[in-house]
């Protein structure tokens, strides 16, 4: 059985390695991410994860187990994607400052015609941020490839007052949930 991560995220790759997997491939999905943005955020990320996993799985053999994942930050019911520039990053961080938001990660595991699809949700509360803190953080470049303009596994951790739920979900891959999903396909990490 071949294990494939349908992602180019170094964080997701590191989390699979943390789970105990060493012999897996990373093959990022290349197609346009397709999901109806009017769906509830939880369903939206599930659809994106499934789209990625299916795209990669269709070019693999029947024995390939493909993992797709997608993460979004949701504030007041609105999805905050990756910022396009520093001004958008500042706008997102300003909106998150001193507030609670949700992080949803959709996870899909595809093997042949079999599909396991779930999502994980974590509540994250930000400290109140100063303009100087936000601008200094943006200057590091870290926010630019992260949903919601922050990375909890990096310097963005300085802004987190508390989390309720799975930390790894906020990083981008809820490993406990994924471990149970992979077990359905006979894939064991330990």
N, C-alpha and C. Protein backbone atom coordinates (compact mmCIF):
# COMPACT_ATOMS: atom_id res chain seq x y z
N UNK A 1 0.84 -1.18 0.00
CA UNK A 1 0.00 0.00 0.00
C UNK A 1 0.89 1.24 0.00
N UNK A 2 0.57 2.18 -0.87
CA UNK A 2 1.35 3.40 -1.03
C UNK A 2 0.59 4.55 -0.38
N UNK A 3 1.26 5.33 0.49
CA UNK A 3 0.66 6.48 1.15
C UNK A 3 1.14 7.75 0.46
N UNK A 4 0.16 8.62 0.12
CA UNK A 4 0.48 9.86 -0.59
C UNK A 4 -0.21 11.04 0.09
N UNK A 5 0.55 12.10 0.31
CA UNK A 5 0.02 13.35 0.82
C UNK A 5 -0.18 14.29 -0.36
N UNK A 6 -1.44 14.67 -0.62
CA UNK A 6 -1.76 15.54 -1.75
C UNK A 6 -1.60 17.00 -1.32
N UNK A 7 -0.35 17.37 -1.01
CA UNK A 7 -0.08 18.70 -0.49
C UNK A 7 1.39 19.02 -0.66
N UNK A 8 1.69 20.30 -0.82
CA UNK A 8 3.09 20.73 -0.83
C UNK A 8 3.46 21.40 0.49
N UNK A 9 2.54 21.39 1.45
CA UNK A 9 2.77 22.05 2.74
C UNK A 9 3.86 21.34 3.53
N UNK A 10 4.93 22.05 3.87
CA UNK A 10 5.95 21.43 4.71
C UNK A 10 5.43 21.12 6.11
N UNK A 11 4.45 21.87 6.57
CA UNK A 11 3.86 21.60 7.89
C UNK A 11 3.10 20.29 7.89
N UNK A 12 2.30 20.05 6.87
CA UNK A 12 1.56 18.78 6.79
C UNK A 12 2.51 17.60 6.64
N UNK A 13 3.55 17.77 5.85
CA UNK A 13 4.55 16.71 5.68
C UNK A 13 5.21 16.40 7.03
N UNK A 14 5.59 17.43 7.77
CA UNK A 14 6.23 17.23 9.08
C UNK A 14 5.28 16.55 10.07
N UNK A 15 3.99 16.88 9.98
CA UNK A 15 3.02 16.25 10.89
C UNK A 15 2.83 14.76 10.57
N UNK A 16 2.85 14.41 9.28
CA UNK A 16 2.79 12.98 8.93
C UNK A 16 4.01 12.25 9.46
N UNK A 17 5.18 12.89 9.36
CA UNK A 17 6.39 12.29 9.90
C UNK A 17 6.30 12.16 11.42
N UNK A 18 5.72 13.17 12.06
CA UNK A 18 5.54 13.11 13.52
C UNK A 18 4.64 11.94 13.91
N UNK A 19 3.68 11.62 13.05
CA UNK A 19 2.78 10.49 13.30
C UNK A 19 3.52 9.15 13.20
N UNK A 20 4.71 9.17 12.62
CA UNK A 20 5.49 7.94 12.48
C UNK A 20 5.64 7.47 11.06
N UNK A 21 5.06 8.18 10.10
CA UNK A 21 5.19 7.79 8.69
C UNK A 21 6.47 8.38 8.11
N UNK A 22 7.27 7.53 7.51
CA UNK A 22 8.51 7.98 6.86
C UNK A 22 8.47 7.69 5.37
N UNK A 23 7.76 6.62 5.00
CA UNK A 23 7.75 6.17 3.62
C UNK A 23 6.44 6.60 2.94
N UNK A 24 6.37 7.88 2.59
CA UNK A 24 5.20 8.39 1.86
C UNK A 24 5.67 9.39 0.83
N UNK A 25 4.82 9.60 -0.15
CA UNK A 25 5.12 10.58 -1.20
C UNK A 25 4.31 11.84 -0.97
N UNK A 26 4.83 12.96 -1.44
CA UNK A 26 4.04 14.19 -1.47
C UNK A 26 3.84 14.55 -2.94
N UNK A 27 2.59 14.62 -3.32
CA UNK A 27 2.22 14.98 -4.70
C UNK A 27 1.14 16.05 -4.59
N UNK A 28 1.50 17.31 -4.73
CA UNK A 28 0.48 18.35 -4.60
C UNK A 28 -0.52 18.33 -5.75
N UNK A 29 -1.77 18.59 -5.41
CA UNK A 29 -2.80 18.73 -6.44
C UNK A 29 -2.46 19.97 -7.26
N UNK A 30 -2.65 19.88 -8.56
CA UNK A 30 -2.28 20.98 -9.46
C UNK A 30 -3.48 21.76 -9.98
N UNK A 31 -4.65 21.14 -9.97
CA UNK A 31 -5.84 21.77 -10.53
C UNK A 31 -6.36 22.90 -9.67
N UNK A 32 -7.29 23.63 -10.25
CA UNK A 32 -7.93 24.72 -9.51
C UNK A 32 -8.77 24.14 -8.39
N UNK A 33 -8.62 24.74 -7.19
CA UNK A 33 -9.42 24.28 -6.06
C UNK A 33 -10.87 24.63 -6.33
N UNK A 34 -11.72 23.60 -6.25
CA UNK A 34 -13.12 23.79 -6.57
C UNK A 34 -14.01 23.40 -5.40
N UNK A 35 -14.77 24.36 -4.94
CA UNK A 35 -15.80 24.14 -3.93
C UNK A 35 -16.70 25.37 -3.96
N UNK A 36 -17.94 25.16 -3.62
CA UNK A 36 -18.92 26.25 -3.61
C UNK A 36 -18.69 27.13 -2.39
N UNK A 37 -18.26 28.39 -2.58
CA UNK A 37 -17.98 29.25 -1.44
C UNK A 37 -19.22 29.63 -0.61
N UNK A 38 -20.40 29.27 -1.10
CA UNK A 38 -21.61 29.55 -0.31
C UNK A 38 -21.92 28.43 0.69
N UNK A 39 -21.16 27.34 0.61
CA UNK A 39 -21.34 26.24 1.57
C UNK A 39 -20.91 26.71 2.96
N UNK A 40 -21.43 26.08 4.01
CA UNK A 40 -20.89 26.36 5.35
C UNK A 40 -19.39 26.06 5.35
N UNK A 41 -18.58 26.81 6.11
CA UNK A 41 -17.13 26.64 6.07
C UNK A 41 -16.66 25.21 6.32
N UNK A 42 -17.33 24.48 7.21
CA UNK A 42 -16.92 23.10 7.49
C UNK A 42 -17.08 22.22 6.25
N UNK A 43 -18.17 22.40 5.56
CA UNK A 43 -18.42 21.62 4.34
C UNK A 43 -17.50 22.09 3.21
N UNK A 44 -17.26 23.38 3.16
CA UNK A 44 -16.37 23.96 2.15
C UNK A 44 -14.98 23.33 2.22
N UNK A 45 -14.38 23.25 3.43
CA UNK A 45 -13.03 22.69 3.54
C UNK A 45 -13.03 21.18 3.27
N UNK A 46 -14.11 20.50 3.61
CA UNK A 46 -14.19 19.08 3.27
C UNK A 46 -14.17 18.89 1.76
N UNK A 47 -14.93 19.72 1.05
CA UNK A 47 -14.99 19.60 -0.42
C UNK A 47 -13.63 19.90 -1.06
N UNK A 48 -12.94 20.93 -0.53
CA UNK A 48 -11.61 21.25 -1.07
C UNK A 48 -10.63 20.10 -0.81
N UNK A 49 -10.67 19.54 0.39
CA UNK A 49 -9.79 18.41 0.72
C UNK A 49 -10.08 17.22 -0.19
N UNK A 50 -11.35 16.94 -0.40
CA UNK A 50 -11.74 15.82 -1.26
C UNK A 50 -11.31 16.06 -2.70
N UNK A 51 -11.46 17.28 -3.18
CA UNK A 51 -11.04 17.61 -4.55
C UNK A 51 -9.54 17.34 -4.72
N UNK A 52 -8.73 17.77 -3.76
CA UNK A 52 -7.28 17.55 -3.83
C UNK A 52 -6.94 16.06 -3.82
N UNK A 53 -7.54 15.33 -2.89
CA UNK A 53 -7.24 13.91 -2.77
C UNK A 53 -7.66 13.14 -4.02
N UNK A 54 -8.85 13.43 -4.54
CA UNK A 54 -9.32 12.72 -5.74
C UNK A 54 -8.46 13.03 -6.96
N UNK A 55 -8.06 14.30 -7.09
CA UNK A 55 -7.22 14.68 -8.24
C UNK A 55 -5.93 13.87 -8.26
N UNK A 56 -5.28 13.76 -7.12
CA UNK A 56 -4.02 13.01 -7.04
C UNK A 56 -4.29 11.51 -7.17
N UNK A 57 -5.34 11.02 -6.54
CA UNK A 57 -5.65 9.58 -6.55
C UNK A 57 -5.93 9.05 -7.95
N UNK A 58 -6.49 9.88 -8.82
CA UNK A 58 -6.85 9.36 -10.14
C UNK A 58 -5.64 8.99 -10.98
N UNK A 59 -4.46 9.45 -10.62
CA UNK A 59 -3.24 9.10 -11.35
C UNK A 59 -2.40 8.05 -10.63
N UNK A 60 -2.97 7.43 -9.60
CA UNK A 60 -2.26 6.43 -8.81
C UNK A 60 -2.95 5.08 -8.96
N UNK A 61 -2.31 4.05 -8.48
CA UNK A 61 -2.89 2.72 -8.54
C UNK A 61 -3.98 2.54 -7.48
N UNK A 62 -4.67 1.41 -7.56
CA UNK A 62 -5.76 1.10 -6.63
C UNK A 62 -5.29 0.93 -5.19
N UNK A 63 -3.99 0.68 -5.02
CA UNK A 63 -3.47 0.47 -3.66
C UNK A 63 -3.00 1.76 -3.01
N UNK A 64 -3.12 2.88 -3.68
CA UNK A 64 -2.67 4.16 -3.13
C UNK A 64 -3.71 4.72 -2.15
N UNK A 65 -3.24 5.14 -1.00
CA UNK A 65 -4.07 5.84 -0.02
C UNK A 65 -3.63 7.29 -0.06
N UNK A 66 -4.55 8.16 -0.48
CA UNK A 66 -4.21 9.57 -0.70
C UNK A 66 -4.91 10.44 0.33
N UNK A 67 -4.13 11.33 0.94
CA UNK A 67 -4.64 12.25 1.96
C UNK A 67 -4.69 13.66 1.37
N UNK A 68 -5.86 14.28 1.45
CA UNK A 68 -6.02 15.68 1.06
C UNK A 68 -6.49 16.47 2.27
N UNK A 69 -6.06 17.71 2.37
CA UNK A 69 -6.47 18.55 3.50
C UNK A 69 -6.55 20.00 3.06
N UNK A 70 -7.41 20.74 3.72
CA UNK A 70 -7.51 22.18 3.48
C UNK A 70 -7.94 22.84 4.79
N UNK A 71 -7.37 24.01 5.07
CA UNK A 71 -7.64 24.71 6.32
C UNK A 71 -8.10 26.13 6.02
N UNK A 72 -9.13 26.57 6.76
CA UNK A 72 -9.58 27.97 6.67
C UNK A 72 -9.76 28.54 8.07
N UNK A 73 -9.59 29.85 8.14
CA UNK A 73 -9.87 30.61 9.35
C UNK A 73 -11.19 31.32 9.12
N UNK A 74 -12.09 31.25 10.11
CA UNK A 74 -13.42 31.85 9.96
C UNK A 74 -13.66 32.84 11.10
N UNK A 75 -13.97 34.06 10.73
CA UNK A 75 -14.29 35.10 11.69
C UNK A 75 -15.65 35.67 11.34
N UNK A 76 -16.56 35.64 12.28
CA UNK A 76 -17.92 36.15 12.06
C UNK A 76 -18.58 35.53 10.84
N UNK A 77 -18.32 34.25 10.61
CA UNK A 77 -18.94 33.55 9.49
C UNK A 77 -18.26 33.77 8.15
N UNK A 78 -17.20 34.58 8.12
CA UNK A 78 -16.49 34.87 6.87
C UNK A 78 -15.14 34.15 6.84
N UNK A 79 -14.85 33.52 5.72
CA UNK A 79 -13.59 32.80 5.55
C UNK A 79 -12.47 33.79 5.26
N UNK A 80 -11.39 33.66 6.04
CA UNK A 80 -10.19 34.44 5.80
C UNK A 80 -9.16 33.51 5.15
N UNK A 81 -8.87 33.74 3.90
CA UNK A 81 -7.90 32.90 3.20
C UNK A 81 -6.49 33.39 3.45
N UNK A 82 -5.60 33.08 2.53
CA UNK A 82 -4.23 33.56 2.61
C UNK A 82 -4.20 35.00 2.09
N UNK A 83 -3.49 35.89 2.79
CA UNK A 83 -3.46 37.28 2.33
C UNK A 83 -2.70 37.41 1.01
N UNK A 84 -3.19 38.30 0.16
CA UNK A 84 -2.55 38.53 -1.15
C UNK A 84 -1.37 39.48 -1.04
N UNK A 85 -1.36 40.29 0.02
CA UNK A 85 -0.29 41.28 0.19
C UNK A 85 -0.24 41.71 1.66
N UNK A 86 0.72 42.58 1.97
CA UNK A 86 0.91 43.02 3.36
C UNK A 86 -0.30 43.79 3.88
N UNK A 87 -0.93 44.58 3.03
CA UNK A 87 -2.10 45.36 3.46
C UNK A 87 -3.24 44.42 3.85
N UNK A 88 -3.45 43.37 3.08
CA UNK A 88 -4.51 42.40 3.41
C UNK A 88 -4.16 41.62 4.68
N UNK A 89 -2.88 41.31 4.87
CA UNK A 89 -2.45 40.64 6.10
C UNK A 89 -2.74 41.53 7.31
N UNK A 90 -2.44 42.80 7.20
CA UNK A 90 -2.71 43.74 8.30
C UNK A 90 -4.21 43.82 8.58
N UNK A 91 -4.99 43.84 7.54
CA UNK A 91 -6.45 43.89 7.70
C UNK A 91 -6.95 42.65 8.45
N UNK A 92 -6.43 41.48 8.10
CA UNK A 92 -6.85 40.24 8.76
C UNK A 92 -6.42 40.22 10.22
N UNK A 93 -5.16 40.55 10.47
CA UNK A 93 -4.66 40.54 11.85
C UNK A 93 -5.41 41.55 12.72
N UNK A 94 -5.74 42.70 12.15
CA UNK A 94 -6.51 43.71 12.88
C UNK A 94 -7.88 43.16 13.25
N UNK A 95 -8.50 42.47 12.31
CA UNK A 95 -9.83 41.90 12.56
C UNK A 95 -9.78 40.80 13.62
N UNK A 96 -8.69 40.03 13.66
CA UNK A 96 -8.56 38.93 14.62
C UNK A 96 -8.16 39.41 16.01
N UNK A 97 -7.53 40.56 16.08
CA UNK A 97 -7.00 41.08 17.34
C UNK A 97 -8.04 41.14 18.46
N UNK A 98 -7.73 40.47 19.57
CA UNK A 98 -8.60 40.49 20.73
C UNK A 98 -9.89 39.71 20.59
N UNK A 99 -9.97 38.85 19.57
CA UNK A 99 -11.22 38.16 19.28
C UNK A 99 -11.02 36.65 19.16
N UNK A 100 -12.13 35.96 19.23
CA UNK A 100 -12.16 34.51 19.05
C UNK A 100 -12.58 34.22 17.61
N UNK A 101 -11.94 33.22 17.01
CA UNK A 101 -12.31 32.78 15.66
C UNK A 101 -12.23 31.26 15.60
N UNK A 102 -12.66 30.70 14.50
CA UNK A 102 -12.66 29.26 14.29
C UNK A 102 -11.65 28.89 13.21
N UNK A 103 -11.02 27.75 13.39
CA UNK A 103 -10.16 27.18 12.36
C UNK A 103 -10.75 25.82 12.01
N UNK A 104 -11.08 25.65 10.74
CA UNK A 104 -11.63 24.40 10.24
C UNK A 104 -10.62 23.76 9.30
N UNK A 105 -10.36 22.48 9.49
CA UNK A 105 -9.56 21.74 8.53
C UNK A 105 -10.40 20.56 8.04
N UNK A 106 -10.54 20.49 6.72
CA UNK A 106 -11.19 19.35 6.09
C UNK A 106 -10.11 18.34 5.74
N UNK A 107 -10.41 17.06 5.97
CA UNK A 107 -9.47 15.98 5.66
C UNK A 107 -10.21 14.92 4.86
N UNK A 108 -9.60 14.52 3.75
CA UNK A 108 -10.16 13.44 2.92
C UNK A 108 -9.10 12.37 2.74
N UNK A 109 -9.51 11.12 2.87
CA UNK A 109 -8.65 9.99 2.56
C UNK A 109 -9.35 9.19 1.47
N UNK A 110 -8.64 8.98 0.37
CA UNK A 110 -9.20 8.29 -0.79
C UNK A 110 -8.32 7.10 -1.14
N UNK A 111 -8.96 5.96 -1.32
CA UNK A 111 -8.27 4.74 -1.77
C UNK A 111 -9.22 4.05 -2.76
N UNK A 112 -8.88 4.12 -4.03
CA UNK A 112 -9.77 3.58 -5.05
C UNK A 112 -11.10 4.31 -5.01
N UNK A 113 -12.19 3.54 -4.83
CA UNK A 113 -13.53 4.14 -4.76
C UNK A 113 -13.95 4.46 -3.32
N UNK A 114 -13.12 4.09 -2.36
CA UNK A 114 -13.43 4.34 -0.95
C UNK A 114 -13.00 5.74 -0.54
N UNK A 115 -13.88 6.42 0.21
CA UNK A 115 -13.60 7.79 0.66
C UNK A 115 -13.98 7.93 2.13
N UNK A 116 -13.11 8.54 2.88
CA UNK A 116 -13.39 8.93 4.26
C UNK A 116 -13.21 10.45 4.30
N UNK A 117 -14.24 11.15 4.79
CA UNK A 117 -14.23 12.61 4.76
C UNK A 117 -14.69 13.16 6.10
N UNK A 118 -13.86 14.03 6.70
CA UNK A 118 -14.20 14.63 7.98
C UNK A 118 -13.64 16.05 8.06
N UNK A 119 -14.03 16.73 9.12
CA UNK A 119 -13.41 18.03 9.42
C UNK A 119 -13.22 18.15 10.92
N UNK A 120 -12.30 19.00 11.29
CA UNK A 120 -12.02 19.29 12.69
C UNK A 120 -12.14 20.80 12.87
N UNK A 121 -12.65 21.22 14.03
CA UNK A 121 -12.82 22.65 14.32
C UNK A 121 -12.15 22.98 15.64
N UNK A 122 -11.40 24.06 15.65
CA UNK A 122 -10.72 24.55 16.85
C UNK A 122 -11.05 26.02 17.03
N UNK A 123 -11.36 26.42 18.26
CA UNK A 123 -11.59 27.83 18.59
C UNK A 123 -10.26 28.43 19.03
N UNK A 124 -9.92 29.57 18.46
CA UNK A 124 -8.67 30.26 18.78
C UNK A 124 -9.00 31.67 19.22
N UNK A 125 -8.41 32.09 20.33
CA UNK A 125 -8.60 33.45 20.83
C UNK A 125 -7.28 34.19 20.73
N UNK A 126 -7.31 35.33 20.06
CA UNK A 126 -6.14 36.19 19.90
C UNK A 126 -6.05 37.18 21.05
N UNK A 127 -4.84 37.53 21.42
CA UNK A 127 -4.60 38.65 22.32
C UNK A 127 -4.91 39.94 21.55
N UNK A 128 -5.04 41.04 22.27
CA UNK A 128 -5.16 42.33 21.60
C UNK A 128 -3.77 42.73 21.11
N UNK A 129 -3.67 43.02 19.82
CA UNK A 129 -2.39 43.29 19.19
C UNK A 129 -2.19 44.79 18.96
N UNK A 130 -0.96 45.22 19.06
CA UNK A 130 -0.64 46.61 18.72
C UNK A 130 -0.31 46.69 17.24
N UNK A 131 -0.40 47.87 16.70
CA UNK A 131 -0.04 48.10 15.30
C UNK A 131 1.42 47.69 15.07
N UNK A 132 2.29 48.05 16.00
CA UNK A 132 3.71 47.72 15.88
C UNK A 132 3.91 46.20 15.81
N UNK A 133 3.22 45.44 16.66
CA UNK A 133 3.34 43.98 16.66
C UNK A 133 2.90 43.40 15.32
N UNK A 134 1.78 43.88 14.83
CA UNK A 134 1.27 43.35 13.56
C UNK A 134 2.22 43.66 12.41
N UNK A 135 2.71 44.88 12.34
CA UNK A 135 3.62 45.26 11.25
C UNK A 135 4.95 44.51 11.33
N UNK A 136 5.46 44.33 12.55
CA UNK A 136 6.70 43.57 12.72
C UNK A 136 6.50 42.11 12.28
N UNK A 137 5.36 41.55 12.63
CA UNK A 137 5.06 40.17 12.23
C UNK A 137 4.94 40.06 10.72
N UNK A 138 4.24 40.97 10.11
CA UNK A 138 4.09 40.96 8.65
C UNK A 138 5.46 41.07 7.97
N UNK A 139 6.36 41.88 8.55
CA UNK A 139 7.70 42.06 7.99
C UNK A 139 8.51 40.76 7.97
N UNK A 140 8.16 39.79 8.83
CA UNK A 140 8.86 38.50 8.83
C UNK A 140 8.50 37.67 7.60
N UNK A 141 7.38 37.99 6.95
CA UNK A 141 6.91 37.23 5.80
C UNK A 141 6.09 36.01 6.17
N UNK A 142 6.09 35.64 7.44
CA UNK A 142 5.38 34.43 7.87
C UNK A 142 3.88 34.44 7.54
N UNK A 143 3.18 35.55 7.66
CA UNK A 143 1.73 35.52 7.44
C UNK A 143 1.31 35.29 5.98
N UNK A 144 2.21 35.45 5.05
CA UNK A 144 1.81 35.53 3.65
C UNK A 144 1.32 34.21 3.04
N UNK A 145 1.70 33.08 3.58
CA UNK A 145 1.20 31.82 3.01
C UNK A 145 0.33 31.06 4.00
N UNK A 146 -0.30 31.80 4.92
CA UNK A 146 -1.10 31.17 5.96
C UNK A 146 -2.53 31.69 5.93
N UNK A 147 -3.48 30.78 6.05
CA UNK A 147 -4.89 31.18 6.18
C UNK A 147 -5.04 32.06 7.41
N UNK A 148 -5.71 33.17 7.27
CA UNK A 148 -5.91 34.09 8.39
C UNK A 148 -4.70 34.92 8.71
N UNK A 149 -3.63 34.80 7.94
CA UNK A 149 -2.41 35.61 8.06
C UNK A 149 -1.61 35.31 9.33
N UNK A 150 -1.70 34.08 9.84
CA UNK A 150 -0.83 33.72 10.97
C UNK A 150 -0.55 32.24 10.98
N UNK A 151 0.58 31.89 11.59
CA UNK A 151 0.94 30.50 11.78
C UNK A 151 1.15 30.23 13.26
N UNK A 152 0.32 29.38 13.83
CA UNK A 152 0.42 29.08 15.26
C UNK A 152 1.72 28.35 15.58
N UNK A 153 2.30 27.66 14.61
CA UNK A 153 3.53 26.91 14.84
C UNK A 153 4.77 27.79 14.71
N UNK A 154 4.58 29.06 14.37
CA UNK A 154 5.70 29.99 14.23
C UNK A 154 5.55 31.15 15.18
N UNK A 155 5.98 32.31 14.72
CA UNK A 155 5.90 33.51 15.56
C UNK A 155 4.47 33.93 15.85
N UNK A 156 3.54 33.50 15.04
CA UNK A 156 2.13 33.80 15.27
C UNK A 156 1.64 33.26 16.61
N UNK A 157 2.36 32.29 17.17
CA UNK A 157 1.99 31.74 18.48
C UNK A 157 2.01 32.82 19.56
N UNK A 158 2.79 33.86 19.36
CA UNK A 158 2.86 34.96 20.33
C UNK A 158 1.53 35.69 20.47
N UNK A 159 0.66 35.56 19.49
CA UNK A 159 -0.61 36.28 19.48
C UNK A 159 -1.77 35.46 20.06
N UNK A 160 -1.53 34.20 20.37
CA UNK A 160 -2.60 33.30 20.79
C UNK A 160 -2.78 33.38 22.31
N UNK A 161 -3.97 33.78 22.72
CA UNK A 161 -4.30 33.81 24.14
C UNK A 161 -4.69 32.42 24.61
N UNK A 162 -5.53 31.72 23.81
CA UNK A 162 -5.88 30.34 24.15
C UNK A 162 -6.50 29.66 22.93
N UNK A 163 -6.47 28.32 23.00
CA UNK A 163 -7.16 27.53 21.98
C UNK A 163 -8.05 26.53 22.69
N UNK A 164 -9.14 26.19 22.04
CA UNK A 164 -10.06 25.18 22.52
C UNK A 164 -10.21 24.16 21.41
N UNK A 165 -9.55 23.02 21.59
CA UNK A 165 -9.61 21.99 20.56
C UNK A 165 -8.22 21.53 20.18
N UNK A 166 -8.13 20.98 18.99
CA UNK A 166 -6.92 20.33 18.49
C UNK A 166 -5.91 21.36 17.97
N UNK A 167 -4.76 21.45 18.63
CA UNK A 167 -3.67 22.35 18.20
C UNK A 167 -3.24 22.03 16.77
N UNK A 168 -3.06 20.74 16.47
CA UNK A 168 -2.56 20.34 15.15
C UNK A 168 -3.54 20.71 14.04
N UNK A 169 -4.80 20.81 14.37
CA UNK A 169 -5.78 21.28 13.41
C UNK A 169 -5.44 22.70 12.96
N UNK A 170 -5.02 23.54 13.89
CA UNK A 170 -4.68 24.93 13.57
C UNK A 170 -3.40 24.97 12.73
N UNK A 171 -2.49 24.03 12.96
CA UNK A 171 -1.27 23.93 12.15
C UNK A 171 -1.64 23.53 10.71
N UNK A 172 -2.70 22.73 10.56
CA UNK A 172 -3.15 22.37 9.21
C UNK A 172 -3.46 20.91 8.97
N UNK A 173 -3.30 20.05 10.01
CA UNK A 173 -3.62 18.64 9.84
C UNK A 173 -3.93 18.03 11.20
N UNK A 174 -5.21 17.77 11.48
CA UNK A 174 -5.58 17.19 12.77
C UNK A 174 -5.16 15.72 12.83
N UNK A 175 -4.00 15.47 13.42
CA UNK A 175 -3.38 14.15 13.29
C UNK A 175 -4.13 13.04 14.03
N UNK A 176 -4.78 13.34 15.13
CA UNK A 176 -5.55 12.30 15.81
C UNK A 176 -6.73 11.86 14.95
N UNK A 177 -7.43 12.82 14.38
CA UNK A 177 -8.55 12.53 13.47
C UNK A 177 -8.04 11.74 12.27
N UNK A 178 -6.94 12.19 11.67
CA UNK A 178 -6.38 11.52 10.50
C UNK A 178 -5.97 10.09 10.83
N UNK A 179 -5.39 9.89 12.01
CA UNK A 179 -4.98 8.54 12.40
C UNK A 179 -6.16 7.58 12.42
N UNK A 180 -7.29 8.03 12.95
CA UNK A 180 -8.49 7.18 12.96
C UNK A 180 -8.99 6.93 11.54
N UNK A 181 -8.93 7.95 10.70
CA UNK A 181 -9.39 7.79 9.32
C UNK A 181 -8.52 6.77 8.58
N UNK A 182 -7.20 6.89 8.74
CA UNK A 182 -6.29 5.96 8.05
C UNK A 182 -6.48 4.54 8.53
N UNK A 183 -6.83 4.38 9.81
CA UNK A 183 -7.08 3.04 10.35
C UNK A 183 -8.16 2.31 9.60
N UNK A 184 -9.14 3.04 9.08
CA UNK A 184 -10.21 2.41 8.29
C UNK A 184 -9.65 1.72 7.04
N UNK A 185 -8.51 2.23 6.55
CA UNK A 185 -7.91 1.67 5.34
C UNK A 185 -6.76 0.71 5.67
N UNK A 186 -6.63 0.38 6.95
CA UNK A 186 -5.58 -0.55 7.37
C UNK A 186 -4.20 0.08 7.44
N UNK A 187 -4.14 1.41 7.45
CA UNK A 187 -2.87 2.11 7.54
C UNK A 187 -2.66 2.51 8.99
N UNK A 188 -1.58 2.00 9.60
CA UNK A 188 -1.30 2.27 11.02
C UNK A 188 -0.01 3.08 11.13
N UNK A 189 -0.05 4.10 11.98
CA UNK A 189 1.15 4.91 12.19
C UNK A 189 2.04 4.32 13.27
N UNK A 190 1.44 3.64 14.25
CA UNK A 190 2.23 2.99 15.30
C UNK A 190 1.69 1.59 15.54
